[in-house]
Amino acid sequence: MTERLRSGYTTGACAAGAAKAAIIGHINGQMPESVEITLPKGQRVVFPVCQDELGRAVVIKDAGDDPDCTDGAHVTASVSLIDGDEVRISGGEGVGVVTKAGLGLTVGHAAINPVPRRMITDAIREVTDHGVEVIISVPGGEEMARATTNDRLGILGGISILGTTGIVKPFSTAAYRASIVQQIDVAAANGQRHLVLVTGSRTETAAIGLFPNLDPVAIVEVGDYTGVAIKRAASHQPDVITWIGMVGKVAKLAQGLLMTHFHRANVDTELLADVARSVGSNESLVLEATATTTARHFYESCRSEGDLRPLVELTRLATTTCFEAVGHRVPVEVFMVDFDSLQVIADHRLTP
């Protein structure tokens, strides 16, 4: 029986809990051992509180079974009463500062997203209607941020205070897709007319080599989510969308699959054989295609035979899939690169 994975809480939920504890301590003169807050969907949850000093509280983030670089972060809130009835929220140590447009956040301000801001305000309002200044900090946040896409998004100096539900779902593909969309939106908002989608770190290196003058913000790692990424990129009407991958994912695109994870579908050996046959490859290569267990094995057979025509044809078919996905609205090009040298093996471009 598969063990059920445990959910955790977002930095935004932790910040709201810390803020509520801090204002209770500041007003009552005694820090609570725990606080209860309301999440955006109405659930009431309890956070243990690490007492720091009156007016300053820490909630240690528990990300559950999600592989999150902020798991264990000491999300800290410092509060003070101010004139009026406004809750002013800003970022301190370890919370990033927004330097680029496209995130729905004010440039020059802390990267504390709208939902966490509402959660913090609501948590404060459960305690007092007085004006309160809240500073959210995360010691070590700048180092944690190196494992995120913040730098590419233009969030500098720390992590973001995130969350739309308050809950972190383990291994959330939805969160990853949302991250891809956000990076594409930031690139477009910052004037990038050439958007480059890469499948991983090696193809990112290939992209930098192919387009050395391109702003890094225009290169977005999309993993297996080509469909999500290319459709979002097309919505911004760029001058061209470039997709860069290796033979396995190129072959999936050639099959017409926009989700390219190897678990979603086995390699289509009939397609590989048909491609080899259609370009006039010798019978031994056609038989290799029929018997292969991986696209990489077929790729290596093509290389050893000195016949790259099937790889060129796969790239053409992959480009057609991508071009159809964007409704033939914007130019699309696909590059297949080598596993080791990252040299371009084949490329194809389609234009409206």
Protein backbone atom coordinates (compact mmCIF):
# COMPACT_ATOMS: atom_id res chain seq x y z
CA MET A 1 0.00 0.00 0.00
CA THR A 2 1.42 3.39 -0.97
CA GLU A 3 1.95 5.74 1.97
CA ARG A 4 -0.03 8.93 1.63
CA LEU A 5 2.15 12.01 1.24
CA ARG A 6 1.79 14.71 3.86
CA SER A 7 0.81 18.27 2.94
CA GLY A 8 2.48 21.29 4.50
CA TYR A 9 1.99 25.04 4.75
CA THR A 10 3.12 27.89 2.52
CA THR A 11 5.44 30.69 3.57
CA GLY A 12 2.42 32.98 3.34
CA ALA A 13 0.44 30.94 5.88
CA CYS A 14 3.46 30.79 8.18
CA ALA A 15 3.92 34.57 7.90
CA ALA A 16 0.28 35.12 8.85
CA GLY A 17 0.66 32.85 11.87
CA ALA A 18 3.84 34.60 12.96
CA ALA A 19 2.22 38.03 12.54
CA LYS A 20 -0.78 37.04 14.66
CA ALA A 21 1.45 35.64 17.41
CA ALA A 22 3.64 38.74 17.35
CA ILE A 23 0.74 41.17 17.72
CA ILE A 24 -0.78 39.08 20.54
CA GLY A 25 2.56 39.16 22.36
CA HIS A 26 2.96 42.87 21.74
CA ILE A 27 -0.51 43.76 23.06
CA ASN A 28 -0.86 41.21 25.88
CA GLY A 29 2.72 41.14 27.07
CA GLN A 30 2.88 37.37 26.72
CA MET A 31 3.69 35.34 23.62
CA PRO A 32 1.25 32.50 22.85
CA GLU A 33 2.60 28.98 22.43
CA SER A 34 0.45 28.55 19.32
CA VAL A 35 -1.94 30.52 17.13
CA GLU A 36 -4.89 29.65 14.94
CA ILE A 37 -5.47 31.37 11.60
CA THR A 38 -7.95 31.04 8.76
CA LEU A 39 -6.69 29.91 5.36
CA PRO A 40 -8.16 31.39 2.15
CA LYS A 41 -10.58 28.48 1.68
CA GLY A 42 -11.87 28.78 5.23
CA GLN A 43 -9.91 26.06 7.03
CA ARG A 44 -8.70 26.89 10.54
CA VAL A 45 -5.15 25.73 11.20
CA VAL A 46 -2.88 25.95 14.24
CA PHE A 47 0.81 26.90 14.15
CA PRO A 48 3.25 26.34 17.02
CA VAL A 49 5.07 29.58 17.84
CA CYS A 50 8.72 29.99 18.67
CA GLN A 51 8.95 32.84 21.17
CA ASP A 52 11.63 35.30 20.19
CA GLU A 53 10.72 38.50 21.99
CA LEU A 54 7.53 40.44 22.53
CA GLY A 55 6.42 41.90 19.22
CA ARG A 56 8.48 39.37 17.29
CA ALA A 57 7.46 35.77 16.61
CA VAL A 58 8.71 32.86 14.53
CA VAL A 59 6.80 30.06 12.83
CA ILE A 60 8.99 27.28 11.45
CA LYS A 61 7.77 26.25 8.02
CA ASP A 62 6.73 22.63 7.64
CA ALA A 63 6.47 21.87 3.92
CA GLY A 64 5.16 18.36 4.54
CA ASP A 65 6.49 15.86 2.03
CA ASP A 66 7.12 18.51 -0.62
CA PRO A 67 10.80 18.83 -1.69
CA ASP A 68 10.82 22.53 -0.85
CA CYS A 69 14.00 24.53 -0.26
CA THR A 70 12.13 26.64 2.31
CA ASP A 71 11.19 23.66 4.50
CA GLY A 72 12.34 24.49 8.02
CA ALA A 73 12.61 28.21 7.31
CA HIS A 74 12.14 30.46 10.35
CA VAL A 75 9.39 32.74 9.03
CA THR A 76 9.56 35.75 11.32
CA ALA A 77 7.16 38.63 11.92
CA SER A 78 8.05 41.82 13.79
CA VAL A 79 5.16 44.13 14.63
CA SER A 80 4.55 47.55 16.11
CA LEU A 81 1.44 49.67 16.59
CA ILE A 82 1.11 52.75 14.37
CA ASP A 83 -1.38 55.59 14.06
CA GLY A 84 -4.54 54.94 12.08
CA ASP A 85 -6.05 51.60 11.17
CA GLU A 86 -3.84 50.42 8.28
CA VAL A 87 -1.88 47.17 8.31
CA ARG A 88 1.42 47.98 6.58
CA ILE A 89 3.39 44.97 5.43
CA SER A 90 7.01 45.05 4.29
CA GLY A 91 9.90 42.66 3.91
CA GLY A 92 13.04 42.35 5.96
CA GLU A 93 16.08 40.07 5.92
CA GLY A 94 15.79 37.12 3.56
CA VAL A 95 12.67 38.33 1.74
CA GLY A 96 13.33 39.24 -1.89
CA VAL A 97 12.73 42.60 -3.51
CA VAL A 98 10.88 42.83 -6.84
CA THR A 99 13.01 44.42 -9.58
CA LYS A 100 11.08 43.45 -12.73
CA ALA A 101 7.51 43.94 -13.93
CA GLY A 102 5.17 41.08 -14.75
CA LEU A 103 4.67 39.52 -11.33
CA GLY A 104 1.63 41.50 -10.26
CA LEU A 105 3.77 43.06 -7.53
CA THR A 106 5.10 46.60 -7.20
CA VAL A 107 8.68 46.99 -8.41
CA GLY A 108 10.93 48.01 -5.53
CA HIS A 109 8.70 46.39 -2.91
CA ALA A 110 9.01 43.11 -1.03
CA ALA A 111 8.05 39.91 -2.85
CA ILE A 112 5.06 39.21 -0.62
CA ASN A 113 2.22 38.07 -2.84
CA PRO A 114 -1.34 39.42 -2.62
CA VAL A 115 -2.93 36.38 -0.95
CA PRO A 116 -0.31 36.21 1.83
CA ARG A 117 -0.76 39.95 2.37
CA ARG A 118 -4.49 39.39 2.84
CA MET A 119 -3.83 36.45 5.17
CA ILE A 120 -1.47 38.54 7.30
CA THR A 121 -3.97 41.40 7.45
CA ASP A 122 -6.83 39.05 8.35
CA ALA A 123 -4.75 37.39 11.06
CA ILE A 124 -3.88 40.78 12.56
CA ARG A 125 -7.52 41.84 12.41
CA GLU A 126 -8.50 38.84 14.53
CA VAL A 127 -6.54 40.52 17.33
CA THR A 128 -6.83 44.28 16.83
CA ASP A 129 -8.37 46.98 14.64
CA HIS A 130 -5.47 49.31 15.42
CA GLY A 131 -2.88 50.31 12.82
CA VAL A 132 -0.03 47.80 12.71
CA GLU A 133 3.30 47.72 10.91
CA VAL A 134 4.45 44.20 10.05
CA ILE A 135 7.92 43.26 8.83
CA ILE A 136 8.29 39.71 7.51
CA SER A 137 11.80 38.27 7.45
CA VAL A 138 13.33 34.85 6.80
CA PRO A 139 16.88 34.38 8.14
CA GLY A 140 18.89 32.52 5.49
CA GLY A 141 16.32 33.40 2.83
CA GLU A 142 18.90 34.80 0.43
CA GLU A 143 20.72 31.47 0.37
CA MET A 144 17.44 29.53 0.03
CA ALA A 145 16.51 31.69 -2.96
CA ARG A 146 19.47 30.33 -4.92
CA ALA A 147 17.50 27.08 -5.30
CA THR A 148 14.51 28.93 -6.79
CA THR A 149 13.78 30.84 -10.00
CA ASN A 150 13.65 34.15 -8.12
CA ASP A 151 16.83 35.55 -9.63
CA ARG A 152 15.52 34.96 -13.15
CA LEU A 153 12.18 36.50 -12.21
CA GLY A 154 13.96 39.60 -10.95
CA ILE A 155 13.32 38.92 -7.26
CA LEU A 156 16.61 39.67 -5.54
CA GLY A 157 17.95 39.22 -2.04
CA GLY A 158 15.73 36.46 -0.75
CA ILE A 159 12.72 34.21 -1.13
CA SER A 160 9.14 35.13 -1.99
CA ILE A 161 6.31 34.90 0.51
CA LEU A 162 3.91 32.77 -1.48
CA GLY A 163 0.71 30.79 -1.43
CA THR A 164 -2.82 30.98 -2.79
CA THR A 165 -4.42 28.37 -0.51
CA GLY A 166 -1.99 28.35 2.41
CA ILE A 167 -1.34 24.66 1.86
CA VAL A 168 1.63 23.06 0.08
CA LYS A 169 0.60 19.92 -1.77
CA PRO A 170 3.48 17.45 -2.06
CA PHE A 171 5.21 17.28 -5.43
CA SER A 172 2.66 19.67 -6.85
CA THR A 173 2.66 19.69 -10.65
CA ALA A 174 0.19 22.56 -10.49
CA ALA A 175 2.77 24.68 -8.68
CA TYR A 176 5.40 23.82 -11.28
CA ARG A 177 3.09 24.72 -14.15
CA ALA A 178 2.23 28.00 -12.43
CA SER A 179 5.94 28.74 -12.06
CA ILE A 180 6.47 28.22 -15.80
CA VAL A 181 3.60 30.54 -16.66
CA GLN A 182 4.93 33.17 -14.27
CA GLN A 183 8.42 33.09 -15.78
CA ILE A 184 7.03 33.46 -19.29
CA ASP A 185 4.84 36.38 -18.20
CA VAL A 186 7.83 38.10 -16.59
CA ALA A 187 9.93 37.66 -19.74
CA ALA A 188 7.16 39.15 -21.88
CA ALA A 189 6.47 41.99 -19.46
CA ASN A 190 10.14 42.93 -19.64
CA GLY A 191 10.09 43.31 -23.40
CA GLN A 192 11.53 39.96 -24.48
CA ARG A 193 10.36 39.29 -28.03
CA HIS A 194 12.26 36.00 -28.41
CA LEU A 195 11.12 33.39 -25.87
CA VAL A 196 13.25 30.26 -25.48
CA LEU A 197 11.79 27.17 -23.82
CA VAL A 198 14.26 24.56 -22.57
CA THR A 199 13.66 21.18 -20.99
CA GLY A 200 16.41 21.23 -18.35
CA SER A 201 19.79 22.51 -17.26
CA ARG A 202 21.74 21.00 -20.16
CA THR A 203 19.42 22.42 -22.79
CA GLU A 204 19.58 25.74 -20.97
CA THR A 205 23.35 25.63 -21.46
CA ALA A 206 22.74 24.90 -25.14
CA ALA A 207 20.37 27.88 -25.35
CA ILE A 208 22.96 30.21 -23.88
CA GLY A 209 25.46 28.98 -26.46
CA LEU A 210 22.99 29.40 -29.32
CA PHE A 211 21.76 32.82 -28.23
CA PRO A 212 24.59 34.46 -26.25
CA ASN A 213 23.10 37.94 -26.46
CA LEU A 214 19.67 36.93 -25.16
CA ASP A 215 18.61 38.21 -21.74
CA PRO A 216 18.55 35.20 -19.36
CA VAL A 217 14.99 36.12 -18.34
CA ALA A 218 13.87 35.03 -21.84
CA ILE A 219 15.07 31.44 -21.28
CA VAL A 220 12.48 29.41 -19.36
CA GLU A 221 12.91 25.84 -18.14
CA VAL A 222 9.66 24.00 -18.88
CA GLY A 223 10.55 20.37 -18.18
CA ASP A 224 7.87 18.13 -19.65
CA TYR A 225 5.23 20.88 -19.84
CA THR A 226 5.78 22.00 -23.42
CA GLY A 227 2.07 22.43 -24.08
CA VAL A 228 1.46 24.72 -21.12
CA ALA A 229 4.58 26.72 -21.88
CA ILE A 230 4.28 27.17 -25.61
CA LYS A 231 0.61 28.19 -25.43
CA ARG A 232 1.37 30.75 -22.74
CA ALA A 233 4.35 32.05 -24.70
CA ALA A 234 2.20 32.40 -27.83
CA SER A 235 -0.40 34.41 -25.91
CA HIS A 236 2.17 37.23 -25.69
CA GLN A 237 2.64 37.29 -29.49
CA PRO A 238 6.46 37.15 -29.47
CA ASP A 239 8.55 37.44 -32.61
CA VAL A 240 9.55 33.77 -32.27
CA ILE A 241 9.30 30.89 -29.81
CA THR A 242 12.28 28.53 -29.67
CA TRP A 243 12.06 25.10 -28.03
CA ILE A 244 15.27 23.18 -27.30
CA GLY A 245 15.39 19.53 -26.26
CA MET A 246 17.03 16.16 -26.72
CA VAL A 247 15.80 13.26 -28.79
CA GLY A 248 13.49 11.70 -26.19
CA LYS A 249 11.31 14.75 -25.83
CA VAL A 250 11.63 15.63 -29.52
CA ALA A 251 10.26 12.16 -30.33
CA LYS A 252 7.32 12.70 -27.95
CA LEU A 253 6.53 16.00 -29.66
CA ALA A 254 6.83 14.26 -33.03
CA GLN A 255 4.15 11.84 -31.78
CA GLY A 256 1.90 14.84 -31.13
CA LEU A 257 2.34 14.72 -27.35
CA LEU A 258 2.72 18.08 -25.62
CA MET A 259 3.33 16.45 -22.23
CA THR A 260 6.68 14.76 -22.77
CA HIS A 261 7.25 12.79 -19.54
CA PHE A 262 8.51 9.31 -20.34
CA HIS A 263 5.97 7.72 -17.97
CA ARG A 264 3.05 9.19 -19.91
CA ALA A 265 3.74 7.17 -23.06
CA ASN A 266 6.27 4.66 -24.31
CA VAL A 267 8.48 5.42 -27.25
CA ASP A 268 6.53 4.97 -30.48
CA THR A 269 8.73 2.49 -32.32
CA GLU A 270 6.37 2.46 -35.30
CA LEU A 271 6.83 6.19 -35.69
CA LEU A 272 10.62 5.85 -35.50
CA ALA A 273 10.56 3.08 -38.09
CA ASP A 274 8.21 5.03 -40.36
CA VAL A 275 10.43 8.09 -40.10
CA ALA A 276 13.55 6.09 -40.92
CA ARG A 277 11.80 4.44 -43.85
CA SER A 278 10.34 7.72 -45.16
CA VAL A 279 13.73 9.41 -45.44
CA GLY A 280 15.33 6.42 -47.19
CA SER A 281 17.42 5.01 -44.35
CA ASN A 282 18.80 1.52 -44.81
CA GLU A 283 16.83 -1.49 -43.61
CA SER A 284 19.13 -2.15 -40.65
CA LEU A 285 18.29 1.27 -39.20
CA VAL A 286 14.57 0.65 -39.77
CA LEU A 287 14.90 -2.64 -37.88
CA GLU A 288 16.82 -0.86 -35.11
CA ALA A 289 13.95 1.59 -34.82
CA THR A 290 11.43 -1.24 -34.53
CA ALA A 291 13.43 -3.04 -31.83
CA THR A 292 14.57 -0.04 -29.80
CA THR A 293 13.42 0.52 -26.22
CA THR A 294 14.37 4.20 -26.03
CA ALA A 295 14.57 7.15 -28.37
CA ARG A 296 18.15 7.64 -27.24
CA HIS A 297 19.09 4.18 -28.45
CA PHE A 298 17.61 5.02 -31.86
CA TYR A 299 19.48 8.33 -31.80
CA GLU A 300 22.77 6.54 -31.14
CA SER A 301 22.04 4.10 -33.96
CA CYS A 302 21.50 7.01 -36.35
CA ARG A 303 24.77 8.58 -35.24
CA SER A 304 26.72 5.35 -35.61
CA GLU A 305 25.20 4.76 -39.08
CA GLY A 306 26.09 8.34 -40.03
CA ASP A 307 22.48 8.93 -41.04
CA LEU A 308 20.93 11.94 -39.32
CA ARG A 309 17.98 12.20 -41.70
CA PRO A 310 15.54 10.45 -39.31
CA LEU A 311 16.52 12.90 -36.56
CA VAL A 312 15.96 15.83 -38.91
CA GLU A 313 12.52 14.44 -39.78
CA LEU A 314 11.62 13.92 -36.10
CA THR A 315 12.54 17.54 -35.47
CA ARG A 316 10.35 18.65 -38.36
CA LEU A 317 7.40 16.68 -36.98
CA ALA A 318 8.01 18.08 -33.49
CA THR A 319 7.97 21.59 -34.90
CA THR A 320 4.66 20.88 -36.61
CA THR A 321 3.17 19.75 -33.28
CA CYS A 322 4.32 22.95 -31.58
CA PHE A 323 3.16 25.15 -34.45
CA GLU A 324 -0.29 23.56 -34.37
CA ALA A 325 -0.43 24.02 -30.58
CA VAL A 326 -0.08 27.79 -31.00
CA GLY A 327 -2.69 27.90 -33.76
CA HIS A 328 -0.13 28.85 -36.43
CA ARG A 329 -0.12 32.35 -34.88
CA VAL A 330 3.59 32.90 -34.18
CA PRO A 331 6.86 31.56 -35.60
CA VAL A 332 8.07 28.41 -33.84
CA GLU A 333 11.43 26.69 -34.11
CA VAL A 334 12.66 23.44 -32.56
CA PHE A 335 16.28 22.46 -31.93
CA MET A 336 17.43 18.93 -31.16
CA VAL A 337 20.77 18.95 -29.35
CA ASP A 338 23.28 16.23 -28.51
CA PHE A 339 23.37 14.74 -25.00
CA ASP A 340 27.05 15.37 -24.39
CA SER A 341 28.38 18.06 -26.71
CA LEU A 342 25.06 20.00 -26.79
CA GLN A 343 25.71 20.61 -30.47
CA VAL A 344 22.66 21.12 -32.67
CA ILE A 345 21.77 17.88 -34.44
CA ALA A 346 18.73 19.21 -36.28
CA ASP A 347 16.48 22.25 -36.30
CA HIS A 348 13.34 23.34 -38.07
CA ARG A 349 11.24 26.50 -38.17
CA LEU A 350 7.65 27.21 -39.17
CA THR A 351 6.26 30.68 -39.75
CA PRO A 352 2.65 31.90 -40.17
